Amino acid sequence: MLCCGSLAKVVADCEIVICTAIGRGAAGHLAQAGVRLAIVPEGTLVDAAVAQYRAGKLLAGGEPSACDHGHAHAAHGCKN
């Protein structure tokens, strides 16, 4: 299973991650890795989000969603 710390390692060479939702832990790991985060509305098409980013119209930022899966990271095998 890919955990939030592992996710940051996988995308560490990216300049930005575009997503519709992300937990606070994952957002923090991305920030520590120097990867910017852009949260777009659910239903946003990937091509549209990338086009907005390339045109300079998609700003990094957004509020991470709270982790609501009700258990500690160790419970789902996370080692990070």
N, C-alpha and C. Protein backbone atom coordinates (compact mmCIF):
# COMPACT_ATOMS: atom_id res chain seq x y z
N MET A 1 0.84 -1.17 0.00
CA MET A 1 0.00 0.00 0.00
C MET A 1 0.89 1.24 0.00
N LEU A 2 0.52 2.22 -0.79
CA LEU A 2 1.27 3.46 -0.88
C LEU A 2 0.77 4.42 0.19
N CYS A 3 1.63 4.80 1.09
CA CYS A 3 1.26 5.71 2.18
C CYS A 3 1.67 7.13 1.84
N CYS A 4 1.18 8.07 2.64
CA CYS A 4 1.39 9.48 2.31
C CYS A 4 2.87 9.86 2.24
N GLY A 5 3.70 9.30 3.09
CA GLY A 5 5.13 9.60 3.01
C GLY A 5 5.76 8.99 1.77
N SER A 6 5.32 7.80 1.42
CA SER A 6 5.82 7.14 0.22
C SER A 6 5.39 7.88 -1.03
N LEU A 7 4.18 8.42 -1.02
CA LEU A 7 3.67 9.20 -2.15
C LEU A 7 4.61 10.37 -2.44
N ALA A 8 5.02 11.07 -1.41
CA ALA A 8 5.91 12.22 -1.59
C ALA A 8 7.24 11.79 -2.21
N LYS A 9 7.74 10.63 -1.83
CA LYS A 9 8.99 10.14 -2.40
C LYS A 9 8.83 9.82 -3.88
N VAL A 10 7.69 9.25 -4.26
CA VAL A 10 7.43 8.86 -5.65
C VAL A 10 7.34 10.08 -6.56
N VAL A 11 6.78 11.17 -6.06
CA VAL A 11 6.57 12.36 -6.90
C VAL A 11 7.53 13.50 -6.56
N ALA A 12 8.59 13.20 -5.84
CA ALA A 12 9.53 14.24 -5.39
C ALA A 12 10.16 15.02 -6.53
N ASP A 13 10.24 14.45 -7.73
CA ASP A 13 10.82 15.16 -8.86
C ASP A 13 9.78 15.97 -9.63
N CYS A 14 8.54 15.96 -9.17
CA CYS A 14 7.48 16.75 -9.81
C CYS A 14 7.46 18.15 -9.21
N GLU A 15 7.00 19.11 -9.98
CA GLU A 15 6.88 20.46 -9.43
C GLU A 15 5.53 20.69 -8.78
N ILE A 16 4.51 19.93 -9.20
CA ILE A 16 3.17 20.12 -8.64
C ILE A 16 2.38 18.82 -8.73
N VAL A 17 1.52 18.60 -7.75
CA VAL A 17 0.54 17.51 -7.78
C VAL A 17 -0.82 18.17 -7.85
N ILE A 18 -1.62 17.76 -8.83
CA ILE A 18 -2.97 18.29 -9.01
C ILE A 18 -3.94 17.18 -8.59
N CYS A 19 -4.84 17.49 -7.67
CA CYS A 19 -5.78 16.48 -7.19
C CYS A 19 -7.08 17.13 -6.75
N THR A 20 -8.08 16.31 -6.50
CA THR A 20 -9.36 16.84 -6.03
C THR A 20 -9.48 16.80 -4.52
N ALA A 21 -8.72 15.96 -3.86
CA ALA A 21 -8.73 15.86 -2.40
C ALA A 21 -7.43 15.21 -1.95
N ILE A 22 -7.00 15.59 -0.75
CA ILE A 22 -5.77 15.01 -0.19
C ILE A 22 -5.81 15.23 1.31
N GLY A 23 -5.32 14.27 2.04
CA GLY A 23 -5.26 14.39 3.49
C GLY A 23 -4.16 15.34 3.93
N ARG A 24 -4.28 15.80 5.15
CA ARG A 24 -3.28 16.74 5.69
C ARG A 24 -1.89 16.13 5.77
N GLY A 25 -1.82 14.85 6.14
CA GLY A 25 -0.51 14.19 6.22
C GLY A 25 0.19 14.14 4.89
N ALA A 26 -0.53 13.73 3.86
CA ALA A 26 0.06 13.67 2.52
C ALA A 26 0.46 15.05 2.04
N ALA A 27 -0.39 16.04 2.29
CA ALA A 27 -0.07 17.42 1.90
C ALA A 27 1.20 17.90 2.60
N GLY A 28 1.35 17.55 3.86
CA GLY A 28 2.54 17.93 4.60
C GLY A 28 3.79 17.27 4.06
N HIS A 29 3.70 15.99 3.73
CA HIS A 29 4.85 15.28 3.15
C HIS A 29 5.23 15.88 1.80
N LEU A 30 4.24 16.23 1.00
CA LEU A 30 4.53 16.85 -0.30
C LEU A 30 5.24 18.19 -0.10
N ALA A 31 4.75 18.98 0.84
CA ALA A 31 5.37 20.29 1.12
C ALA A 31 6.82 20.10 1.56
N GLN A 32 7.06 19.13 2.43
CA GLN A 32 8.43 18.87 2.90
C GLN A 32 9.35 18.44 1.75
N ALA A 33 8.77 17.78 0.75
CA ALA A 33 9.55 17.34 -0.41
C ALA A 33 9.70 18.45 -1.44
N GLY A 34 9.08 19.61 -1.19
CA GLY A 34 9.18 20.73 -2.12
C GLY A 34 8.24 20.62 -3.30
N VAL A 35 7.22 19.76 -3.20
CA VAL A 35 6.25 19.60 -4.27
C VAL A 35 5.03 20.45 -3.95
N ARG A 36 4.67 21.33 -4.89
CA ARG A 36 3.49 22.17 -4.69
C ARG A 36 2.23 21.35 -4.92
N LEU A 37 1.13 21.83 -4.39
CA LEU A 37 -0.13 21.12 -4.44
C LEU A 37 -1.20 22.06 -4.97
N ALA A 38 -2.00 21.57 -5.91
CA ALA A 38 -3.15 22.33 -6.40
C ALA A 38 -4.38 21.44 -6.26
N ILE A 39 -5.36 21.91 -5.52
CA ILE A 39 -6.60 21.16 -5.34
C ILE A 39 -7.65 21.78 -6.24
N VAL A 40 -8.22 20.94 -7.10
CA VAL A 40 -9.23 21.38 -8.06
C VAL A 40 -10.57 20.76 -7.68
N PRO A 41 -11.67 21.34 -8.14
CA PRO A 41 -12.98 20.79 -7.81
C PRO A 41 -13.16 19.38 -8.35
N GLU A 42 -13.87 18.56 -7.60
CA GLU A 42 -14.18 17.21 -8.05
C GLU A 42 -14.89 17.28 -9.39
N GLY A 43 -14.55 16.40 -10.28
CA GLY A 43 -15.14 16.39 -11.61
C GLY A 43 -14.31 17.14 -12.65
N THR A 44 -13.26 17.82 -12.20
CA THR A 44 -12.37 18.52 -13.13
C THR A 44 -11.64 17.49 -13.99
N LEU A 45 -11.72 17.64 -15.28
CA LEU A 45 -11.03 16.71 -16.17
C LEU A 45 -9.53 16.94 -16.10
N VAL A 46 -8.77 15.86 -16.18
CA VAL A 46 -7.31 15.94 -16.09
C VAL A 46 -6.76 16.87 -17.16
N ASP A 47 -7.19 16.70 -18.40
CA ASP A 47 -6.69 17.55 -19.48
C ASP A 47 -6.97 19.02 -19.21
N ALA A 48 -8.14 19.32 -18.66
CA ALA A 48 -8.49 20.71 -18.35
C ALA A 48 -7.60 21.27 -17.25
N ALA A 49 -7.35 20.47 -16.22
CA ALA A 49 -6.49 20.93 -15.12
C ALA A 49 -5.07 21.17 -15.60
N VAL A 50 -4.55 20.28 -16.42
CA VAL A 50 -3.19 20.44 -16.96
C VAL A 50 -3.13 21.66 -17.87
N ALA A 51 -4.13 21.86 -18.69
CA ALA A 51 -4.17 23.04 -19.57
C ALA A 51 -4.20 24.33 -18.75
N GLN A 52 -4.98 24.34 -17.67
CA GLN A 52 -5.03 25.52 -16.80
C GLN A 52 -3.67 25.77 -16.17
N TYR A 53 -3.01 24.71 -15.73
CA TYR A 53 -1.69 24.85 -15.13
C TYR A 53 -0.68 25.39 -16.13
N ARG A 54 -0.66 24.82 -17.32
CA ARG A 54 0.29 25.26 -18.36
C ARG A 54 0.04 26.70 -18.78
N ALA A 55 -1.21 27.14 -18.71
CA ALA A 55 -1.56 28.52 -19.08
C ALA A 55 -1.34 29.49 -17.92
N GLY A 56 -0.88 28.97 -16.79
CA GLY A 56 -0.64 29.83 -15.63
C GLY A 56 -1.91 30.23 -14.91
N LYS A 57 -3.00 29.52 -15.15
CA LYS A 57 -4.28 29.86 -14.54
C LYS A 57 -4.65 28.97 -13.36
N LEU A 58 -3.85 27.96 -13.08
CA LEU A 58 -4.10 27.08 -11.95
C LEU A 58 -3.07 27.39 -10.89
N LEU A 59 -3.52 27.93 -9.80
CA LEU A 59 -2.62 28.32 -8.73
C LEU A 59 -2.42 27.18 -7.75
N ALA A 60 -1.22 27.06 -7.25
CA ALA A 60 -0.96 26.07 -6.21
C ALA A 60 -1.66 26.53 -4.94
N GLY A 61 -2.09 25.58 -4.18
CA GLY A 61 -2.75 25.88 -2.91
C GLY A 61 -4.05 25.11 -2.79
N GLY A 62 -4.78 25.43 -1.78
CA GLY A 62 -6.02 24.73 -1.49
C GLY A 62 -5.93 24.10 -0.12
N GLU A 63 -7.05 23.86 0.46
CA GLU A 63 -7.09 23.31 1.81
C GLU A 63 -7.15 21.78 1.76
N PRO A 64 -6.16 21.11 2.36
CA PRO A 64 -6.23 19.65 2.41
C PRO A 64 -7.48 19.21 3.16
N SER A 65 -8.03 18.08 2.76
CA SER A 65 -9.18 17.53 3.48
C SER A 65 -8.67 16.77 4.69
N ALA A 66 -9.45 16.74 5.72
CA ALA A 66 -9.05 16.02 6.93
C ALA A 66 -9.05 14.52 6.66
N CYS A 67 -8.13 13.84 7.26
CA CYS A 67 -8.10 12.38 7.17
C CYS A 67 -9.26 11.84 7.99
N ASP A 68 -10.17 11.15 7.34
CA ASP A 68 -11.34 10.68 8.07
C ASP A 68 -11.50 9.17 8.01
N HIS A 69 -10.41 8.46 7.70
CA HIS A 69 -10.58 7.02 7.60
C HIS A 69 -10.45 6.33 8.95
N GLY A 70 -10.33 7.08 10.03
CA GLY A 70 -10.52 6.57 11.37
C GLY A 70 -9.47 5.64 11.94
N HIS A 71 -8.24 5.71 11.47
CA HIS A 71 -7.21 4.88 12.07
C HIS A 71 -5.84 5.51 11.85
N ALA A 72 -4.89 5.04 12.63
CA ALA A 72 -3.53 5.54 12.50
C ALA A 72 -2.88 4.97 11.26
N HIS A 73 -1.85 5.65 10.76
CA HIS A 73 -1.17 5.17 9.57
C HIS A 73 -0.65 3.76 9.72
N ALA A 74 -0.17 3.41 10.91
CA ALA A 74 0.37 2.07 11.12
C ALA A 74 -0.69 1.00 10.89
N ALA A 75 -1.94 1.34 11.08
CA ALA A 75 -3.02 0.37 10.91
C ALA A 75 -3.16 -0.10 9.48
N HIS A 76 -2.74 0.71 8.51
CA HIS A 76 -2.83 0.26 7.12
C HIS A 76 -1.45 0.02 6.52
N GLY A 77 -0.50 -0.28 7.38
CA GLY A 77 0.81 -0.72 6.91
C GLY A 77 1.77 0.38 6.54
N CYS A 78 1.48 1.60 6.89
CA CYS A 78 2.36 2.71 6.53
C CYS A 78 3.59 2.70 7.43
N LYS A 79 4.74 2.80 6.80
CA LYS A 79 5.99 2.83 7.55
C LYS A 79 6.60 4.23 7.55
N ASN A 80 5.90 5.20 6.97
CA ASN A 80 6.45 6.56 6.89
C ASN A 80 5.68 7.48 7.76
